[in-house]
Amino acid sequence: MNRERLMQVLLSPIISEKANIAAEVSARYAFRVVPDADKREIGRAVELMFDVKVDRVQVLNMKGKRKRFRQRMGKRPGWRKAYVRLQPGHEIDFGGGA
């Protein structure tokens, strides 16, 4: 894999209550990823950026919500989410010890 491509696959971590519970209970971390990334690329990108071993990757396509913008109906864009489960003994710390 191209190292530059792997550096662009992960857009941001998803830090929510549901994602934090999944991280504590089963070492599953959620990321927002580029729409054309596959499971292998996502796993390799996490291993490269955080120096951990990935056990499993699950990918979801999130549909954009329909919203009203004043008098007009509109649609937010869709995006792609990945849940990455790490092998036992590995952990990612997004807080930096804060």
PDB file of N, CA and C in Angstrom:
ATOM      1  N   MET A   1       0.830  -1.191   0.000  1.00  0.00           N
ATOM      2  CA  MET A   1       0.000   0.000   0.000  1.00  0.00           C
ATOM      3  C   MET A   1       0.870   1.248   0.000  1.00  0.00           C
ATOM      4  N   ASN A   2       0.356   2.272  -0.603  1.00  0.00           N
ATOM      5  CA  ASN A   2       1.031   3.546  -0.645  1.00  0.00           C
ATOM      6  C   ASN A   2       0.897   4.254   0.708  1.00  0.00           C
ATOM      7  N   ARG A   3       2.024   4.643   1.292  1.00  0.00           N
ATOM      8  CA  ARG A   3       2.021   5.257   2.615  1.00  0.00           C
ATOM      9  C   ARG A   3       1.250   6.580   2.620  1.00  0.00           C
ATOM     10  N   GLU A   4       1.365   7.354   1.553  1.00  0.00           N
ATOM     11  CA  GLU A   4       0.648   8.628   1.478  1.00  0.00           C
ATOM     12  C   GLU A   4      -0.863   8.406   1.447  1.00  0.00           C
ATOM     13  N   ARG A   5      -1.294   7.368   0.733  1.00  0.00           N
ATOM     14  CA  ARG A   5      -2.722   7.047   0.679  1.00  0.00           C
ATOM     15  C   ARG A   5      -3.220   6.648   2.066  1.00  0.00           C
ATOM     16  N   LEU A   6      -2.444   5.830   2.796  1.00  0.00           N
ATOM     17  CA  LEU A   6      -2.857   5.390   4.126  1.00  0.00           C
ATOM     18  C   LEU A   6      -2.972   6.561   5.101  1.00  0.00           C
ATOM     19  N   MET A   7      -2.158   7.590   4.907  1.00  0.00           N
ATOM     20  CA  MET A   7      -2.218   8.751   5.793  1.00  0.00           C
ATOM     21  C   MET A   7      -3.483   9.574   5.555  1.00  0.00           C
ATOM     22  N   GLN A   8      -4.144   9.391   4.405  1.00  0.00           N
ATOM     23  CA  GLN A   8      -5.339  10.162   4.079  1.00  0.00           C
ATOM     24  C   GLN A   8      -6.635   9.388   4.305  1.00  0.00           C
ATOM     25  N   VAL A   9      -6.552   8.109   4.635  1.00  0.00           N
ATOM     26  CA  VAL A   9      -7.750   7.274   4.772  1.00  0.00           C
ATOM     27  C   VAL A   9      -8.576   7.682   5.988  1.00  0.00           C
ATOM     28  N   LEU A  10      -7.951   7.900   7.127  1.00  0.00           N
ATOM     29  CA  LEU A  10      -8.678   8.269   8.352  1.00  0.00           C
ATOM     30  C   LEU A  10      -8.893   9.773   8.371  1.00  0.00           C
ATOM     31  N   LEU A  11     -10.150  10.191   8.459  1.00  0.00           N
ATOM     32  CA  LEU A  11     -10.451  11.616   8.510  1.00  0.00           C
ATOM     33  C   LEU A  11     -10.467  12.136   9.940  1.00  0.00           C
ATOM     34  N   SER A  12     -11.136  11.411  10.848  1.00  0.00           N
ATOM     35  CA  SER A  12     -11.181  11.833  12.238  1.00  0.00           C
ATOM     36  C   SER A  12     -11.718  10.697  13.097  1.00  0.00           C
ATOM     37  N   PRO A  13     -11.347  10.686  14.381  1.00  0.00           N
ATOM     38  CA  PRO A  13     -11.982   9.719  15.286  1.00  0.00           C
ATOM     39  C   PRO A  13     -13.375  10.212  15.651  1.00  0.00           C
ATOM     40  N   ILE A  14     -14.259   9.275  15.928  1.00  0.00           N
ATOM     41  CA  ILE A  14     -15.608   9.625  16.382  1.00  0.00           C
ATOM     42  C   ILE A  14     -15.609   9.494  17.897  1.00  0.00           C
ATOM     43  N   ILE A  15     -15.776  10.621  18.560  1.00  0.00           N
ATOM     44  CA  ILE A  15     -15.761  10.636  20.023  1.00  0.00           C
ATOM     45  C   ILE A  15     -17.166  10.973  20.493  1.00  0.00           C
ATOM     46  N   SER A  16     -17.910   9.936  20.824  1.00  0.00           N
ATOM     47  CA  SER A  16     -19.272  10.093  21.327  1.00  0.00           C
ATOM     48  C   SER A  16     -19.438   9.146  22.512  1.00  0.00           C
ATOM     49  N   GLU A  17     -20.572   9.228  23.152  1.00  0.00           N
ATOM     50  CA  GLU A  17     -20.812   8.357  24.298  1.00  0.00           C
ATOM     51  C   GLU A  17     -20.833   6.888  23.874  1.00  0.00           C
ATOM     52  N   LYS A  18     -21.488   6.597  22.762  1.00  0.00           N
ATOM     53  CA  LYS A  18     -21.557   5.225  22.266  1.00  0.00           C
ATOM     54  C   LYS A  18     -20.167   4.706  21.878  1.00  0.00           C
ATOM     55  N   ALA A  19     -19.375   5.542  21.223  1.00  0.00           N
ATOM     56  CA  ALA A  19     -18.030   5.130  20.812  1.00  0.00           C
ATOM     57  C   ALA A  19     -17.117   4.919  22.026  1.00  0.00           C
ATOM     58  N   ASN A  20     -17.256   5.750  23.042  1.00  0.00           N
ATOM     59  CA  ASN A  20     -16.444   5.590  24.252  1.00  0.00           C
ATOM     60  C   ASN A  20     -16.782   4.307  24.999  1.00  0.00           C
ATOM     61  N   ILE A  21     -18.056   3.957  25.059  1.00  0.00           N
ATOM     62  CA  ILE A  21     -18.450   2.716  25.721  1.00  0.00           C
ATOM     63  C   ILE A  21     -17.905   1.514  24.959  1.00  0.00           C
ATOM     64  N   ALA A  22     -17.980   1.553  23.614  1.00  0.00           N
ATOM     65  CA  ALA A  22     -17.445   0.457  22.805  1.00  0.00           C
ATOM     66  C   ALA A  22     -15.944   0.326  22.980  1.00  0.00           C
ATOM     67  N   ALA A  23     -15.251   1.436  23.131  1.00  0.00           N
ATOM     68  CA  ALA A  23     -13.803   1.400  23.318  1.00  0.00           C
ATOM     69  C   ALA A  23     -13.436   0.796  24.679  1.00  0.00           C
ATOM     70  N   GLU A  24     -14.188   1.136  25.710  1.00  0.00           N
ATOM     71  CA  GLU A  24     -13.891   0.618  27.044  1.00  0.00           C
ATOM     72  C   GLU A  24     -14.222  -0.866  27.171  1.00  0.00           C
ATOM     73  N   VAL A  25     -15.364  -1.275  26.629  1.00  0.00           N
ATOM     74  CA  VAL A  25     -15.841  -2.642  26.820  1.00  0.00           C
ATOM     75  C   VAL A  25     -15.113  -3.630  25.916  1.00  0.00           C
ATOM     76  N   SER A  26     -14.997  -3.325  24.628  1.00  0.00           N
ATOM     77  CA  SER A  26     -14.473  -4.328  23.691  1.00  0.00           C
ATOM     78  C   SER A  26     -13.327  -3.837  22.814  1.00  0.00           C
ATOM     79  N   ALA A  27     -12.656  -2.763  23.186  1.00  0.00           N
ATOM     80  CA  ALA A  27     -11.518  -2.216  22.429  1.00  0.00           C
ATOM     81  C   ALA A  27     -11.873  -1.967  20.964  1.00  0.00           C
ATOM     82  N   ARG A  28     -13.082  -1.412  20.739  1.00  0.00           N
ATOM     83  CA  ARG A  28     -13.538  -1.031  19.394  1.00  0.00           C
ATOM     84  C   ARG A  28     -13.534   0.475  19.305  1.00  0.00           C
ATOM     85  N   TYR A  29     -12.849   1.002  18.296  1.00  0.00           N
ATOM     86  CA  TYR A  29     -12.733   2.440  18.112  1.00  0.00           C
ATOM     87  C   TYR A  29     -13.403   2.830  16.808  1.00  0.00           C
ATOM     88  N   ALA A  30     -14.090   3.973  16.807  1.00  0.00           N
ATOM     89  CA  ALA A  30     -14.830   4.429  15.632  1.00  0.00           C
ATOM     90  C   ALA A  30     -14.073   5.562  14.955  1.00  0.00           C
ATOM     91  N   PHE A  31     -14.045   5.515  13.618  1.00  0.00           N
ATOM     92  CA  PHE A  31     -13.373   6.536  12.820  1.00  0.00           C
ATOM     93  C   PHE A  31     -14.259   6.951  11.662  1.00  0.00           C
ATOM     94  N   ARG A  32     -14.148   8.200  11.275  1.00  0.00           N
ATOM     95  CA  ARG A  32     -14.751   8.676  10.029  1.00  0.00           C
ATOM     96  C   ARG A  32     -13.682   8.498   8.958  1.00  0.00           C
ATOM     97  N   VAL A  33     -14.041   7.826   7.853  1.00  0.00           N
ATOM     98  CA  VAL A  33     -13.052   7.486   6.829  1.00  0.00           C
ATOM     99  C   VAL A  33     -13.509   8.001   5.463  1.00  0.00           C
ATOM    100  N   VAL A  34     -12.584   8.009   4.499  1.00  0.00           N
ATOM    101  CA  VAL A  34     -12.932   8.443   3.145  1.00  0.00           C
ATOM    102  C   VAL A  34     -13.891   7.427   2.525  1.00  0.00           C
ATOM    103  N   PRO A  35     -14.788   7.883   1.651  1.00  0.00           N
ATOM    104  CA  PRO A  35     -15.825   6.991   1.117  1.00  0.00           C
ATOM    105  C   PRO A  35     -15.317   5.822   0.282  1.00  0.00           C
ATOM    106  N   ASP A  36     -14.139   5.925  -0.319  1.00  0.00           N
ATOM    107  CA  ASP A  36     -13.658   4.848  -1.191  1.00  0.00           C
ATOM    108  C   ASP A  36     -12.660   3.919  -0.508  1.00  0.00           C
ATOM    109  N   ALA A  37     -12.517   4.007   0.810  1.00  0.00           N
ATOM    110  CA  ALA A  37     -11.573   3.152   1.536  1.00  0.00           C
ATOM    111  C   ALA A  37     -12.182   1.768   1.763  1.00  0.00           C
ATOM    112  N   ASP A  38     -11.339   0.727   1.658  1.00  0.00           N
ATOM    113  CA  ASP A  38     -11.815  -0.618   1.968  1.00  0.00           C
ATOM    114  C   ASP A  38     -11.268  -1.046   3.333  1.00  0.00           C
ATOM    115  N   LYS A  39     -11.679  -2.235   3.778  1.00  0.00           N
ATOM    116  CA  LYS A  39     -11.334  -2.685   5.128  1.00  0.00           C
ATOM    117  C   LYS A  39      -9.826  -2.839   5.322  1.00  0.00           C
ATOM    118  N   ARG A  40      -9.150  -3.373   4.327  1.00  0.00           N
ATOM    119  CA  ARG A  40      -7.688  -3.550   4.451  1.00  0.00           C
ATOM    120  C   ARG A  40      -6.975  -2.218   4.609  1.00  0.00           C
ATOM    121  N   GLU A  41      -7.372  -1.226   3.808  1.00  0.00           N
ATOM    122  CA  GLU A  41      -6.750   0.089   3.902  1.00  0.00           C
ATOM    123  C   GLU A  41      -6.999   0.717   5.268  1.00  0.00           C
ATOM    124  N   ILE A  42      -8.201   0.592   5.772  1.00  0.00           N
ATOM    125  CA  ILE A  42      -8.526   1.180   7.069  1.00  0.00           C
ATOM    126  C   ILE A  42      -7.706   0.522   8.174  1.00  0.00           C
ATOM    127  N   GLY A  43      -7.612  -0.797   8.157  1.00  0.00           N
ATOM    128  CA  GLY A  43      -6.832  -1.507   9.162  1.00  0.00           C
ATOM    129  C   GLY A  43      -5.361  -1.139   9.111  1.00  0.00           C
ATOM    130  N   ARG A  44      -4.799  -1.072   7.929  1.00  0.00           N
ATOM    131  CA  ARG A  44      -3.379  -0.701   7.789  1.00  0.00           C
ATOM    132  C   ARG A  44      -3.135   0.744   8.200  1.00  0.00           C
ATOM    133  N   ALA A  45      -4.092   1.627   7.914  1.00  0.00           N
ATOM    134  CA  ALA A  45      -3.940   3.028   8.300  1.00  0.00           C
ATOM    135  C   ALA A  45      -3.930   3.176   9.818  1.00  0.00           C
ATOM    136  N   VAL A  46      -4.806   2.448  10.514  1.00  0.00           N
ATOM    137  CA  VAL A  46      -4.836   2.512  11.978  1.00  0.00           C
ATOM    138  C   VAL A  46      -3.543   1.949  12.551  1.00  0.00           C
ATOM    139  N   GLU A  47      -3.061   0.839  11.998  1.00  0.00           N
ATOM    140  CA  GLU A  47      -1.804   0.262  12.472  1.00  0.00           C
ATOM    141  C   GLU A  47      -0.643   1.218  12.255  1.00  0.00           C
ATOM    142  N   LEU A  48      -0.624   1.912  11.127  1.00  0.00           N
ATOM    143  CA  LEU A  48       0.458   2.845  10.816  1.00  0.00           C
ATOM    144  C   LEU A  48       0.419   4.070  11.716  1.00  0.00           C
ATOM    145  N   MET A  49      -0.756   4.646  11.905  1.00  0.00           N
ATOM    146  CA  MET A  49      -0.844   5.915  12.638  1.00  0.00           C
ATOM    147  C   MET A  49      -0.756   5.765  14.149  1.00  0.00           C
ATOM    148  N   PHE A  50      -1.256   4.649  14.708  1.00  0.00           N
ATOM    149  CA  PHE A  50      -1.318   4.505  16.162  1.00  0.00           C
ATOM    150  C   PHE A  50      -0.407   3.412  16.704  1.00  0.00           C
ATOM    151  N   ASP A  51       0.319   2.689  15.847  1.00  0.00           N
ATOM    152  CA  ASP A  51       1.259   1.643  16.247  1.00  0.00           C
ATOM    153  C   ASP A  51       0.575   0.584  17.127  1.00  0.00           C
ATOM    154  N   VAL A  52      -0.528   0.037  16.617  1.00  0.00           N
ATOM    155  CA  VAL A  52      -1.285  -1.012  17.289  1.00  0.00           C
ATOM    156  C   VAL A  52      -1.531  -2.139  16.293  1.00  0.00           C
ATOM    157  N   LYS A  53      -2.069  -3.255  16.764  1.00  0.00           N
ATOM    158  CA  LYS A  53      -2.423  -4.385  15.900  1.00  0.00           C
ATOM    159  C   LYS A  53      -3.950  -4.464  15.798  1.00  0.00           C
ATOM    160  N   VAL A  54      -4.446  -4.476  14.569  1.00  0.00           N
ATOM    161  CA  VAL A  54      -5.888  -4.506  14.313  1.00  0.00           C
ATOM    162  C   VAL A  54      -6.351  -5.951  14.187  1.00  0.00           C
ATOM    163  N   ASP A  55      -7.459  -6.255  14.856  1.00  0.00           N
ATOM    164  CA  ASP A  55      -8.041  -7.594  14.800  1.00  0.00           C
ATOM    165  C   ASP A  55      -9.133  -7.670  13.738  1.00  0.00           C
ATOM    166  N   ARG A  56     -10.008  -6.656  13.696  1.00  0.00           N
ATOM    167  CA  ARG A  56     -11.171  -6.714  12.804  1.00  0.00           C
ATOM    168  C   ARG A  56     -11.638  -5.300  12.468  1.00  0.00           C
ATOM    169  N   VAL A  57     -12.179  -5.138  11.257  1.00  0.00           N
ATOM    170  CA  VAL A  57     -12.709  -3.846  10.809  1.00  0.00           C
ATOM    171  C   VAL A  57     -14.132  -4.049  10.294  1.00  0.00           C
ATOM    172  N   GLN A  58     -15.056  -3.226  10.766  1.00  0.00           N
ATOM    173  CA  GLN A  58     -16.426  -3.214  10.262  1.00  0.00           C
ATOM    174  C   GLN A  58     -16.706  -1.823   9.708  1.00  0.00           C
ATOM    175  N   VAL A  59     -17.333  -1.770   8.517  1.00  0.00           N
ATOM    176  CA  VAL A  59     -17.554  -0.510   7.829  1.00  0.00           C
ATOM    177  C   VAL A  59     -19.047  -0.283   7.626  1.00  0.00           C
ATOM    178  N   LEU A  60     -19.483   0.962   7.862  1.00  0.00           N
ATOM    179  CA  LEU A  60     -20.881   1.347   7.655  1.00  0.00           C
ATOM    180  C   LEU A  60     -20.943   2.572   6.757  1.00  0.00           C
ATOM    181  N   ASN A  61     -21.930   2.612   5.879  1.00  0.00           N
ATOM    182  CA  ASN A  61     -22.205   3.800   5.090  1.00  0.00           C
ATOM    183  C   ASN A  61     -23.370   4.518   5.750  1.00  0.00           C
ATOM    184  N   MET A  62     -23.125   5.722   6.243  1.00  0.00           N
ATOM    185  CA  MET A  62     -24.141   6.502   6.937  1.00  0.00           C
ATOM    186  C   MET A  62     -24.849   7.398   5.922  1.00  0.00           C
ATOM    187  N   LYS A  63     -26.166   7.282   5.854  1.00  0.00           N
ATOM    188  CA  LYS A  63     -26.933   8.112   4.935  1.00  0.00           C
ATOM    189  C   LYS A  63     -27.057   9.526   5.480  1.00  0.00           C
ATOM    190  N   GLY A  64     -27.063  10.492   4.569  1.00  0.00           N
ATOM    191  CA  GLY A  64     -27.264  11.876   4.965  1.00  0.00           C
ATOM    192  C   GLY A  64     -28.711  12.126   5.348  1.00  0.00           C
ATOM    193  N   LYS A  65     -28.916  12.951   6.342  1.00  0.00           N
ATOM    194  CA  LYS A  65     -30.265  13.233   6.812  1.00  0.00           C
ATOM    195  C   LYS A  65     -30.940  14.278   5.928  1.00  0.00           C
ATOM    196  N   ARG A  66     -32.249  14.157   5.803  1.00  0.00           N
ATOM    197  CA  ARG A  66     -33.031  15.174   5.109  1.00  0.00           C
ATOM    198  C   ARG A  66     -33.367  16.256   6.129  1.00  0.00           C
ATOM    199  N   LYS A  67     -33.050  17.495   5.794  1.00  0.00           N
ATOM    200  CA  LYS A  67     -33.260  18.612   6.709  1.00  0.00           C
ATOM    201  C   LYS A  67     -33.948  19.763   5.992  1.00  0.00           C
ATOM    202  N   ARG A  68     -34.616  20.580   6.760  1.00  0.00           N
ATOM    203  CA  ARG A  68     -35.244  21.780   6.211  1.00  0.00           C
ATOM    204  C   ARG A  68     -34.289  22.954   6.418  1.00  0.00           C
ATOM    205  N   PHE A  69     -34.021  23.686   5.350  1.00  0.00           N
ATOM    206  CA  PHE A  69     -33.229  24.907   5.404  1.00  0.00           C
ATOM    207  C   PHE A  69     -34.161  26.060   5.025  1.00  0.00           C
ATOM    208  N   ARG A  70     -34.685  26.725   6.045  1.00  0.00           N
ATOM    209  CA  ARG A  70     -35.722  27.752   5.886  1.00  0.00           C
ATOM    210  C   ARG A  70     -36.931  27.162   5.164  1.00  0.00           C
ATOM    211  N   GLN A  71     -37.273  27.654   3.945  1.00  0.00           N
ATOM    212  CA  GLN A  71     -38.458  27.140   3.264  1.00  0.00           C
ATOM    213  C   GLN A  71     -38.150  25.932   2.389  1.00  0.00           C
ATOM    214  N   ARG A  72     -36.911  25.592   2.197  1.00  0.00           N
ATOM    215  CA  ARG A  72     -36.551  24.522   1.263  1.00  0.00           C
ATOM    216  C   ARG A  72     -36.092  23.268   2.003  1.00  0.00           C
ATOM    217  N   MET A  73     -36.402  22.153   1.410  1.00  0.00           N
ATOM    218  CA  MET A  73     -35.899  20.886   1.945  1.00  0.00           C
ATOM    219  C   MET A  73     -34.532  20.612   1.322  1.00  0.00           C
ATOM    220  N   GLY A  74     -33.635  20.108   2.124  1.00  0.00           N
ATOM    221  CA  GLY A  74     -32.299  19.798   1.648  1.00  0.00           C
ATOM    222  C   GLY A  74     -31.850  18.467   2.208  1.00  0.00           C
ATOM    223  N   LYS A  75     -30.632  18.088   1.865  1.00  0.00           N
ATOM    224  CA  LYS A  75     -30.096  16.808   2.317  1.00  0.00           C
ATOM    225  C   LYS A  75     -28.632  16.992   2.678  1.00  0.00           C
ATOM    226  N   ARG A  76     -28.274  16.521   3.851  1.00  0.00           N
ATOM    227  CA  ARG A  76     -26.866  16.535   4.251  1.00  0.00           C
ATOM    228  C   ARG A  76     -26.148  15.407   3.524  1.00  0.00           C
ATOM    229  N   PRO A  77     -24.862  15.565   3.280  1.00  0.00           N
ATOM    230  CA  PRO A  77     -24.149  14.505   2.562  1.00  0.00           C
ATOM    231  C   PRO A  77     -23.955  13.252   3.421  1.00  0.00           C
ATOM    232  N   GLY A  78     -23.893  12.100   2.765  1.00  0.00           N
ATOM    233  CA  GLY A  78     -23.613  10.853   3.453  1.00  0.00           C
ATOM    234  C   GLY A  78     -22.123  10.737   3.758  1.00  0.00           C
ATOM    235  N   TRP A  79     -21.779   9.809   4.654  1.00  0.00           N
ATOM    236  CA  TRP A  79     -20.379   9.610   5.009  1.00  0.00           C
ATOM    237  C   TRP A  79     -20.153   8.160   5.400  1.00  0.00           C
ATOM    238  N   ARG A  80     -18.910   7.785   5.630  1.00  0.00           N
ATOM    239  CA  ARG A  80     -18.544   6.399   5.901  1.00  0.00           C
ATOM    240  C   ARG A  80     -17.884   6.305   7.270  1.00  0.00           C
ATOM    241  N   LYS A  81     -18.319   5.313   8.041  1.00  0.00           N
ATOM    242  CA  LYS A  81     -17.814   5.100   9.396  1.00  0.00           C
ATOM    243  C   LYS A  81     -17.193   3.723   9.483  1.00  0.00           C
ATOM    244  N   ALA A  82     -16.106   3.611  10.254  1.00  0.00           N
ATOM    245  CA  ALA A  82     -15.448   2.316  10.450  1.00  0.00           C
ATOM    246  C   ALA A  82     -15.269   2.062  11.942  1.00  0.00           C
ATOM    247  N   TYR A  83     -15.645   0.851  12.361  1.00  0.00           N
ATOM    248  CA  TYR A  83     -15.357   0.384  13.713  1.00  0.00           C
ATOM    249  C   TYR A  83     -14.155  -0.544  13.621  1.00  0.00           C
ATOM    250  N   VAL A  84     -13.111  -0.239  14.382  1.00  0.00           N
ATOM    251  CA  VAL A  84     -11.871  -1.011  14.347  1.00  0.00           C
ATOM    252  C   VAL A  84     -11.683  -1.669  15.702  1.00  0.00           C
ATOM    253  N   ARG A  85     -11.625  -3.007  15.713  1.00  0.00           N
ATOM    254  CA  ARG A  85     -11.374  -3.739  16.956  1.00  0.00           C
ATOM    255  C   ARG A  85      -9.903  -4.097  17.010  1.00  0.00           C
ATOM    256  N   LEU A  86      -9.277  -3.825  18.140  1.00  0.00           N
ATOM    257  CA  LEU A  86      -7.848  -4.081  18.309  1.00  0.00           C
ATOM    258  C   LEU A  86      -7.624  -5.427  18.967  1.00  0.00           C
ATOM    259  N   GLN A  87      -6.432  -5.968  18.758  1.00  0.00           N
ATOM    260  CA  GLN A  87      -6.066  -7.213  19.411  1.00  0.00           C
ATOM    261  C   GLN A  87      -5.875  -6.963  20.905  1.00  0.00           C
ATOM    262  N   PRO A  88      -6.044  -7.994  21.722  1.00  0.00           N
ATOM    263  CA  PRO A  88      -5.898  -7.813  23.174  1.00  0.00           C
ATOM    264  C   PRO A  88      -4.537  -7.238  23.536  1.00  0.00           C
ATOM    265  N   GLY A  89      -4.546  -6.307  24.486  1.00  0.00           N
ATOM    266  CA  GLY A  89      -3.312  -5.684  24.941  1.00  0.00           C
ATOM    267  C   GLY A  89      -2.983  -4.384  24.243  1.00  0.00           C
ATOM    268  N   HIS A  90      -3.729  -4.021  23.200  1.00  0.00           N
ATOM    269  CA  HIS A  90      -3.495  -2.774  22.480  1.00  0.00           C
ATOM    270  C   HIS A  90      -4.582  -1.775  22.815  1.00  0.00           C
ATOM    271  N   GLU A  91      -4.213  -0.479  22.805  1.00  0.00           N
ATOM    272  CA  GLU A  91      -5.142   0.574  23.184  1.00  0.00           C
ATOM    273  C   GLU A  91      -4.756   1.863  22.477  1.00  0.00           C
ATOM    274  N   ILE A  92      -5.770   2.683  22.156  1.00  0.00           N
ATOM    275  CA  ILE A  92      -5.543   3.996  21.561  1.00  0.00           C
ATOM    276  C   ILE A  92      -6.033   5.031  22.554  1.00  0.00           C
ATOM    277  N   ASP A  93      -5.202   6.061  22.821  1.00  0.00           N
ATOM    278  CA  ASP A  93      -5.570   7.124  23.741  1.00  0.00           C
ATOM    279  C   ASP A  93      -5.729   8.424  22.958  1.00  0.00           C
ATOM    280  N   PHE A  94      -6.979   8.846  22.730  1.00  0.00           N
ATOM    281  CA  PHE A  94      -7.222  10.089  21.996  1.00  0.00           C
ATOM    282  C   PHE A  94      -7.067  11.317  22.869  1.00  0.00           C
ATOM    283  N   GLY A  95      -7.210  11.159  24.179  1.00  0.00           N
ATOM    284  CA  GLY A  95      -7.170  12.291  25.083  1.00  0.00           C
ATOM    285  C   GLY A  95      -5.766  12.802  25.362  1.00  0.00           C
ATOM    286  N   GLY A  96      -4.754  12.013  25.092  1.00  0.00           N
ATOM    287  CA  GLY A  96      -3.380  12.446  25.357  1.00  0.00           C
ATOM    288  C   GLY A  96      -3.077  12.564  26.845  1.00  0.00           C
ATOM    289  N   GLY A  97      -3.793  11.789  27.671  1.00  0.00           N
ATOM    290  CA  GLY A  97      -3.527  11.802  29.102  1.00  0.00           C
ATOM    291  C   GLY A  97      -4.186  12.971  29.821  1.00  0.00           C
ATOM    292  N   ALA A  98      -5.119  13.633  29.183  1.00  0.00           N
ATOM    293  CA  ALA A  98      -5.757  14.811  29.803  1.00  0.00           C
ATOM    294  C   ALA A  98      -6.777  14.403  30.833  1.00  0.00           C
TER     295      ALA A  98
END
